[in-house]
Amino acid sequence: MVDLGLDFKPPPQRSVRQWEKVRVLYAHGYEYRSCGDGGPGYRPRTLSEVPAFLARQPPRSQGEALLRRIAQRRRGS
C-alpha cells in the first residue's frame, strides 16, 4: 500500500484495468498530489491512454532520456 496523495480517487475494487493504470503511472513516478494550484494535473482516464501520456512527458532524468533513445532505436524511429 502506498500514499498516492489527497487528490487520488480510487477506482472501484473490481476495475482491474483502472488499477493497472494507477500502478503503471505510480511506477513512472506519478502520484495524485497538488501544490495548491487546483489538482495534480492531467492524468490519463484509461489504461490505453497511458503509453501516449508517458511518451509526451519530458524525461525525468538523464537515465530515462537514455532509455527512451535506446527504445526509439530498437523501434527504428
PDB file of N, CA and C in Angstrom:
ATOM      1  N   MET A   1       0.843  -1.161   0.000  1.00  0.00           N
ATOM      2  CA  MET A   1       0.000   0.000   0.000  1.00  0.00           C
ATOM      3  C   MET A   1       0.899   1.238   0.000  1.00  0.00           C
ATOM      4  N   VAL A   2       0.517   2.241  -0.804  1.00  0.00           N
ATOM      5  CA  VAL A   2       1.278   3.484  -0.877  1.00  0.00           C
ATOM      6  C   VAL A   2       0.321   4.666  -0.775  1.00  0.00           C
ATOM      7  N   ASP A   3       0.864   5.799  -0.358  1.00  0.00           N
ATOM      8  CA  ASP A   3       0.104   7.033  -0.287  1.00  0.00           C
ATOM      9  C   ASP A   3       0.229   7.728  -1.637  1.00  0.00           C
ATOM     10  N   LEU A   4      -0.858   7.784  -2.403  1.00  0.00           N
ATOM     11  CA  LEU A   4      -0.834   8.407  -3.720  1.00  0.00           C
ATOM     12  C   LEU A   4      -1.211   9.876  -3.680  1.00  0.00           C
ATOM     13  N   GLY A   5      -1.573  10.383  -2.514  1.00  0.00           N
ATOM     14  CA  GLY A   5      -1.911  11.793  -2.388  1.00  0.00           C
ATOM     15  C   GLY A   5      -3.384  12.007  -2.106  1.00  0.00           C
ATOM     16  N   LEU A   6      -3.694  13.193  -1.625  1.00  0.00           N
ATOM     17  CA  LEU A   6      -5.072  13.509  -1.254  1.00  0.00           C
ATOM     18  C   LEU A   6      -6.008  13.628  -2.449  1.00  0.00           C
ATOM     19  N   ASP A   7      -5.465  13.886  -3.636  1.00  0.00           N
ATOM     20  CA  ASP A   7      -6.304  14.028  -4.828  1.00  0.00           C
ATOM     21  C   ASP A   7      -6.623  12.699  -5.499  1.00  0.00           C
ATOM     22  N   PHE A   8      -6.127  11.594  -4.950  1.00  0.00           N
ATOM     23  CA  PHE A   8      -6.379  10.271  -5.528  1.00  0.00           C
ATOM     24  C   PHE A   8      -7.806   9.831  -5.245  1.00  0.00           C
ATOM     25  N   LYS A   9      -8.510   9.473  -6.309  1.00  0.00           N
ATOM     26  CA  LYS A   9      -9.857   8.919  -6.206  1.00  0.00           C
ATOM     27  C   LYS A   9      -9.771   7.461  -6.653  1.00  0.00           C
ATOM     28  N   PRO A  10      -9.800   6.521  -5.715  1.00  0.00           N
ATOM     29  CA  PRO A  10      -9.613   5.117  -6.096  1.00  0.00           C
ATOM     30  C   PRO A  10     -10.733   4.616  -6.997  1.00  0.00           C
ATOM     31  N   PRO A  11     -10.366   3.828  -8.005  1.00  0.00           N
ATOM     32  CA  PRO A  11     -11.386   3.218  -8.852  1.00  0.00           C
ATOM     33  C   PRO A  11     -12.102   2.099  -8.086  1.00  0.00           C
ATOM     34  N   PRO A  12     -13.213   1.636  -8.614  1.00  0.00           N
ATOM     35  CA  PRO A  12     -13.885   0.503  -7.964  1.00  0.00           C
ATOM     36  C   PRO A  12     -12.924  -0.687  -7.834  1.00  0.00           C
ATOM     37  N   GLN A  13     -13.095  -1.450  -6.787  1.00  0.00           N
ATOM     38  CA  GLN A  13     -12.191  -2.555  -6.483  1.00  0.00           C
ATOM     39  C   GLN A  13     -12.086  -3.550  -7.635  1.00  0.00           C
ATOM     40  N   ARG A  14     -13.154  -3.794  -8.339  1.00  0.00           N
ATOM     41  CA  ARG A  14     -13.156  -4.795  -9.426  1.00  0.00           C
ATOM     42  C   ARG A  14     -12.658  -4.248 -10.761  1.00  0.00           C
ATOM     43  N   SER A  15     -12.342  -2.984 -10.824  1.00  0.00           N
ATOM     44  CA  SER A  15     -11.901  -2.363 -12.070  1.00  0.00           C
ATOM     45  C   SER A  15     -10.402  -2.624 -12.277  1.00  0.00           C
ATOM     46  N   VAL A  16     -10.093  -3.816 -12.730  1.00  0.00           N
ATOM     47  CA  VAL A  16      -8.712  -4.280 -12.844  1.00  0.00           C
ATOM     48  C   VAL A  16      -7.889  -3.381 -13.770  1.00  0.00           C
ATOM     49  N   ARG A  17      -8.433  -2.984 -14.900  1.00  0.00           N
ATOM     50  CA  ARG A  17      -7.681  -2.149 -15.847  1.00  0.00           C
ATOM     51  C   ARG A  17      -7.390  -0.767 -15.262  1.00  0.00           C
ATOM     52  N   GLN A  18      -8.315  -0.205 -14.495  1.00  0.00           N
ATOM     53  CA  GLN A  18      -8.078   1.097 -13.876  1.00  0.00           C
ATOM     54  C   GLN A  18      -6.996   0.990 -12.804  1.00  0.00           C
ATOM     55  N   TRP A  19      -7.006  -0.083 -12.040  1.00  0.00           N
ATOM     56  CA  TRP A  19      -5.962  -0.272 -11.031  1.00  0.00           C
ATOM     57  C   TRP A  19      -4.607  -0.503 -11.694  1.00  0.00           C
ATOM     58  N   GLU A  20      -4.596  -1.173 -12.832  1.00  0.00           N
ATOM     59  CA  GLU A  20      -3.345  -1.359 -13.565  1.00  0.00           C
ATOM     60  C   GLU A  20      -2.831  -0.010 -14.061  1.00  0.00           C
ATOM     61  N   LYS A  21      -3.731   0.852 -14.519  1.00  0.00           N
ATOM     62  CA  LYS A  21      -3.345   2.200 -14.941  1.00  0.00           C
ATOM     63  C   LYS A  21      -2.679   2.944 -13.781  1.00  0.00           C
ATOM     64  N   VAL A  22      -3.284   2.886 -12.607  1.00  0.00           N
ATOM     65  CA  VAL A  22      -2.724   3.542 -11.430  1.00  0.00           C
ATOM     66  C   VAL A  22      -1.339   2.974 -11.114  1.00  0.00           C
ATOM     67  N   ARG A  23      -1.204   1.652 -11.199  1.00  0.00           N
ATOM     68  CA  ARG A  23       0.081   1.008 -10.912  1.00  0.00           C
ATOM     69  C   ARG A  23       1.165   1.475 -11.873  1.00  0.00           C
ATOM     70  N   VAL A  24       0.843   1.513 -13.166  1.00  0.00           N
ATOM     71  CA  VAL A  24       1.825   1.919 -14.178  1.00  0.00           C
ATOM     72  C   VAL A  24       2.222   3.376 -13.974  1.00  0.00           C
ATOM     73  N   LEU A  25       1.258   4.234 -13.740  1.00  0.00           N
ATOM     74  CA  LEU A  25       1.580   5.643 -13.517  1.00  0.00           C
ATOM     75  C   LEU A  25       2.457   5.814 -12.284  1.00  0.00           C
ATOM     76  N   TYR A  26       2.127   5.114 -11.213  1.00  0.00           N
ATOM     77  CA  TYR A  26       2.929   5.210  -9.994  1.00  0.00           C
ATOM     78  C   TYR A  26       4.342   4.689 -10.233  1.00  0.00           C
ATOM     79  N   ALA A  27       4.471   3.613 -11.001  1.00  0.00           N
ATOM     80  CA  ALA A  27       5.786   3.060 -11.310  1.00  0.00           C
ATOM     81  C   ALA A  27       6.651   4.056 -12.090  1.00  0.00           C
ATOM     82  N   HIS A  28       5.987   4.973 -12.803  1.00  0.00           N
ATOM     83  CA  HIS A  28       6.708   6.002 -13.554  1.00  0.00           C
ATOM     84  C   HIS A  28       6.799   7.315 -12.769  1.00  0.00           C
ATOM     85  N   GLY A  29       6.445   7.277 -11.497  1.00  0.00           N
ATOM     86  CA  GLY A  29       6.639   8.445 -10.648  1.00  0.00           C
ATOM     87  C   GLY A  29       5.472   9.402 -10.550  1.00  0.00           C
ATOM     88  N   TYR A  30       4.304   9.018 -11.033  1.00  0.00           N
ATOM     89  CA  TYR A  30       3.144   9.906 -10.995  1.00  0.00           C
ATOM     90  C   TYR A  30       2.262   9.577  -9.802  1.00  0.00           C
ATOM     91  N   GLU A  31       1.973  10.614  -9.034  1.00  0.00           N
ATOM     92  CA  GLU A  31       1.078  10.496  -7.894  1.00  0.00           C
ATOM     93  C   GLU A  31      -0.080  11.464  -8.106  1.00  0.00           C
ATOM     94  N   TYR A  32      -0.907  11.617  -7.114  1.00  0.00           N
ATOM     95  CA  TYR A  32      -2.087  12.470  -7.214  1.00  0.00           C
ATOM     96  C   TYR A  32      -2.018  13.530  -6.120  1.00  0.00           C
ATOM     97  N   ARG A  33      -1.006  14.366  -6.220  1.00  0.00           N
ATOM     98  CA  ARG A  33      -0.791  15.435  -5.247  1.00  0.00           C
ATOM     99  C   ARG A  33      -0.847  16.771  -5.972  1.00  0.00           C
ATOM    100  N   SER A  34      -1.438  17.742  -5.316  1.00  0.00           N
ATOM    101  CA  SER A  34      -1.466  19.085  -5.896  1.00  0.00           C
ATOM    102  C   SER A  34      -0.580  19.994  -5.070  1.00  0.00           C
ATOM    103  N   CYS A  35      -0.211  21.087  -5.657  1.00  0.00           N
ATOM    104  CA  CYS A  35       0.601  22.083  -4.967  1.00  0.00           C
ATOM    105  C   CYS A  35      -0.252  23.309  -4.669  1.00  0.00           C
ATOM    106  N   GLY A  36      -1.530  23.093  -4.411  1.00  0.00           N
ATOM    107  CA  GLY A  36      -2.435  24.196  -4.144  1.00  0.00           C
ATOM    108  C   GLY A  36      -2.890  24.921  -5.390  1.00  0.00           C
ATOM    109  N   ASP A  37      -2.632  24.345  -6.547  1.00  0.00           N
ATOM    110  CA  ASP A  37      -2.977  25.000  -7.807  1.00  0.00           C
ATOM    111  C   ASP A  37      -4.169  24.352  -8.507  1.00  0.00           C
ATOM    112  N   GLY A  38      -4.989  23.625  -7.779  1.00  0.00           N
ATOM    113  CA  GLY A  38      -6.202  23.092  -8.383  1.00  0.00           C
ATOM    114  C   GLY A  38      -6.148  21.632  -8.779  1.00  0.00           C
ATOM    115  N   GLY A  39      -5.191  20.885  -8.327  1.00  0.00           N
ATOM    116  CA  GLY A  39      -5.163  19.461  -8.628  1.00  0.00           C
ATOM    117  C   GLY A  39      -3.810  18.988  -9.093  1.00  0.00           C
ATOM    118  N   PRO A  40      -3.686  17.682  -9.296  1.00  0.00           N
ATOM    119  CA  PRO A  40      -2.389  17.107  -9.645  1.00  0.00           C
ATOM    120  C   PRO A  40      -2.030  17.237 -11.122  1.00  0.00           C
ATOM    121  N   GLY A  41      -2.891  17.831 -11.905  1.00  0.00           N
ATOM    122  CA  GLY A  41      -2.643  17.912 -13.339  1.00  0.00           C
ATOM    123  C   GLY A  41      -3.308  16.763 -14.073  1.00  0.00           C
ATOM    124  N   TYR A  42      -3.155  16.774 -15.383  1.00  0.00           N
ATOM    125  CA  TYR A  42      -3.809  15.763 -16.217  1.00  0.00           C
ATOM    126  C   TYR A  42      -3.263  14.376 -15.911  1.00  0.00           C
ATOM    127  N   ARG A  43      -4.136  13.417 -15.843  1.00  0.00           N
ATOM    128  CA  ARG A  43      -3.793  12.003 -15.757  1.00  0.00           C
ATOM    129  C   ARG A  43      -4.670  11.276 -16.776  1.00  0.00           C
ATOM    130  N   PRO A  44      -4.145  10.255 -17.454  1.00  0.00           N
ATOM    131  CA  PRO A  44      -4.946   9.510 -18.420  1.00  0.00           C
ATOM    132  C   PRO A  44      -6.190   8.908 -17.763  1.00  0.00           C
ATOM    133  N   ARG A  45      -7.276   8.880 -18.517  1.00  0.00           N
ATOM    134  CA  ARG A  45      -8.520   8.301 -17.993  1.00  0.00           C
ATOM    135  C   ARG A  45      -8.543   6.788 -18.120  1.00  0.00           C
ATOM    136  N   THR A  46      -7.852   6.242 -19.134  1.00  0.00           N
ATOM    137  CA  THR A  46      -7.880   4.801 -19.371  1.00  0.00           C
ATOM    138  C   THR A  46      -6.460   4.247 -19.490  1.00  0.00           C
ATOM    139  N   LEU A  47      -6.351   2.947 -19.304  1.00  0.00           N
ATOM    140  CA  LEU A  47      -5.054   2.274 -19.431  1.00  0.00           C
ATOM    141  C   LEU A  47      -4.491   2.430 -20.839  1.00  0.00           C
ATOM    142  N   SER A  48      -5.340   2.413 -21.846  1.00  0.00           N
ATOM    143  CA  SER A  48      -4.860   2.521 -23.229  1.00  0.00           C
ATOM    144  C   SER A  48      -4.262   3.893 -23.538  1.00  0.00           C
ATOM    145  N   GLU A  49      -4.592   4.919 -22.750  1.00  0.00           N
ATOM    146  CA  GLU A  49      -4.035   6.261 -22.957  1.00  0.00           C
ATOM    147  C   GLU A  49      -2.668   6.439 -22.303  1.00  0.00           C
ATOM    148  N   VAL A  50      -2.277   5.525 -21.438  1.00  0.00           N
ATOM    149  CA  VAL A  50      -1.049   5.688 -20.656  1.00  0.00           C
ATOM    150  C   VAL A  50       0.211   5.743 -21.520  1.00  0.00           C
ATOM    151  N   PRO A  51       0.425   4.845 -22.497  1.00  0.00           N
ATOM    152  CA  PRO A  51       1.670   4.925 -23.280  1.00  0.00           C
ATOM    153  C   PRO A  51       1.858   6.278 -23.972  1.00  0.00           C
ATOM    154  N   ALA A  52       0.797   6.809 -24.560  1.00  0.00           N
ATOM    155  CA  ALA A  52       0.903   8.111 -25.230  1.00  0.00           C
ATOM    156  C   ALA A  52       1.184   9.217 -24.213  1.00  0.00           C
ATOM    157  N   PHE A  53       0.540   9.147 -23.052  1.00  0.00           N
ATOM    158  CA  PHE A  53       0.772  10.126 -21.989  1.00  0.00           C
ATOM    159  C   PHE A  53       2.237  10.118 -21.561  1.00  0.00           C
ATOM    160  N   LEU A  54       2.774   8.933 -21.319  1.00  0.00           N
ATOM    161  CA  LEU A  54       4.163   8.824 -20.873  1.00  0.00           C
ATOM    162  C   LEU A  54       5.134   9.297 -21.956  1.00  0.00           C
ATOM    163  N   ALA A  55       4.814   9.010 -23.214  1.00  0.00           N
ATOM    164  CA  ALA A  55       5.690   9.415 -24.319  1.00  0.00           C
ATOM    165  C   ALA A  55       5.744  10.934 -24.461  1.00  0.00           C
ATOM    166  N   ARG A  56       4.664  11.627 -24.100  1.00  0.00           N
ATOM    167  CA  ARG A  56       4.619  13.088 -24.214  1.00  0.00           C
ATOM    168  C   ARG A  56       5.322  13.804 -23.059  1.00  0.00           C
ATOM    169  N   GLN A  57       5.595  13.092 -21.989  1.00  0.00           N
ATOM    170  CA  GLN A  57       6.207  13.717 -20.819  1.00  0.00           C
ATOM    171  C   GLN A  57       7.710  13.851 -21.027  1.00  0.00           C
ATOM    172  N   PRO A  58       8.283  14.962 -20.561  1.00  0.00           N
ATOM    173  CA  PRO A  58       9.740  15.102 -20.679  1.00  0.00           C
ATOM    174  C   PRO A  58      10.430  14.081 -19.782  1.00  0.00           C
ATOM    175  N   PRO A  59      11.607  13.628 -20.172  1.00  0.00           N
ATOM    176  CA  PRO A  59      12.348  12.690 -19.323  1.00  0.00           C
ATOM    177  C   PRO A  59      12.591  13.299 -17.947  1.00  0.00           C
ATOM    178  N   ARG A  60      12.499  12.474 -16.913  1.00  0.00           N
ATOM    179  CA  ARG A  60      12.694  12.946 -15.542  1.00  0.00           C
ATOM    180  C   ARG A  60      14.149  12.868 -15.106  1.00  0.00           C
ATOM    181  N   SER A  61      14.976  12.185 -15.880  1.00  0.00           N
ATOM    182  CA  SER A  61      16.387  12.066 -15.530  1.00  0.00           C
ATOM    183  C   SER A  61      17.187  11.777 -16.797  1.00  0.00           C
ATOM    184  N   GLN A  62      18.493  11.871 -16.680  1.00  0.00           N
ATOM    185  CA  GLN A  62      19.352  11.531 -17.816  1.00  0.00           C
ATOM    186  C   GLN A  62      19.221  10.058 -18.163  1.00  0.00           C
ATOM    187  N   GLY A  63      19.045   9.214 -17.151  1.00  0.00           N
ATOM    188  CA  GLY A  63      18.875   7.780 -17.394  1.00  0.00           C
ATOM    189  C   GLY A  63      17.617   7.484 -18.185  1.00  0.00           C
ATOM    190  N   GLU A  64      16.522   8.160 -17.835  1.00  0.00           N
ATOM    191  CA  GLU A  64      15.280   7.946 -18.577  1.00  0.00           C
ATOM    192  C   GLU A  64      15.419   8.433 -20.014  1.00  0.00           C
ATOM    193  N   ALA A  65      16.107   9.549 -20.217  1.00  0.00           N
ATOM    194  CA  ALA A  65      16.330  10.046 -21.570  1.00  0.00           C
ATOM    195  C   ALA A  65      17.117   9.024 -22.391  1.00  0.00           C
ATOM    196  N   LEU A  66      18.134   8.418 -21.786  1.00  0.00           N
ATOM    197  CA  LEU A  66      18.931   7.397 -22.466  1.00  0.00           C
ATOM    198  C   LEU A  66      18.075   6.184 -22.818  1.00  0.00           C
ATOM    199  N   LEU A  67      17.256   5.730 -21.878  1.00  0.00           N
ATOM    200  CA  LEU A  67      16.390   4.579 -22.151  1.00  0.00           C
ATOM    201  C   LEU A  67      15.414   4.864 -23.284  1.00  0.00           C
ATOM    202  N   ARG A  68      14.908   6.071 -23.354  1.00  0.00           N
ATOM    203  CA  ARG A  68      13.997   6.435 -24.451  1.00  0.00           C
ATOM    204  C   ARG A  68      14.714   6.397 -25.798  1.00  0.00           C
ATOM    205  N   ARG A  69      15.952   6.913 -25.835  1.00  0.00           N
ATOM    206  CA  ARG A  69      16.707   6.876 -27.100  1.00  0.00           C
ATOM    207  C   ARG A  69      16.971   5.441 -27.539  1.00  0.00           C
ATOM    208  N   ILE A  70      17.312   4.566 -26.590  1.00  0.00           N
ATOM    209  CA  ILE A  70      17.559   3.169 -26.917  1.00  0.00           C
ATOM    210  C   ILE A  70      16.293   2.520 -27.458  1.00  0.00           C
ATOM    211  N   ALA A  71      15.159   2.781 -26.821  1.00  0.00           N
ATOM    212  CA  ALA A  71      13.883   2.207 -27.268  1.00  0.00           C
ATOM    213  C   ALA A  71      13.527   2.701 -28.662  1.00  0.00           C
ATOM    214  N   GLN A  72      13.779   3.981 -28.947  1.00  0.00           N
ATOM    215  CA  GLN A  72      13.480   4.535 -30.271  1.00  0.00           C
ATOM    216  C   GLN A  72      14.345   3.871 -31.332  1.00  0.00           C
ATOM    217  N   ARG A  73      15.596   3.629 -31.033  1.00  0.00           N
ATOM    218  CA  ARG A  73      16.490   2.964 -31.996  1.00  0.00           C
ATOM    219  C   ARG A  73      16.039   1.537 -32.273  1.00  0.00           C
ATOM    220  N   ARG A  74      15.586   0.843 -31.231  1.00  0.00           N
ATOM    221  CA  ARG A  74      15.117  -0.537 -31.403  1.00  0.00           C
ATOM    222  C   ARG A  74      13.863  -0.569 -32.268  1.00  0.00           C
ATOM    223  N   ARG A  75      13.018   0.450 -32.158  1.00  0.00           N
ATOM    224  CA  ARG A  75      11.798   0.513 -32.967  1.00  0.00           C
ATOM    225  C   ARG A  75      12.095   0.997 -34.381  1.00  0.00           C
ATOM    226  N   GLY A  76      13.287   1.539 -34.582  1.00  0.00           N
ATOM    227  CA  GLY A  76      13.653   2.045 -35.898  1.00  0.00           C
ATOM    228  C   GLY A  76      13.128   3.431 -36.180  1.00  0.00           C
ATOM    229  N   SER A  77      12.830   4.182 -35.120  1.00  0.00           N
ATOM    230  CA  SER A  77      12.301   5.546 -35.285  1.00  0.00           C
ATOM    231  C   SER A  77      13.422   6.537 -35.465  1.00  0.00           C
TER     232      SER A  77
END
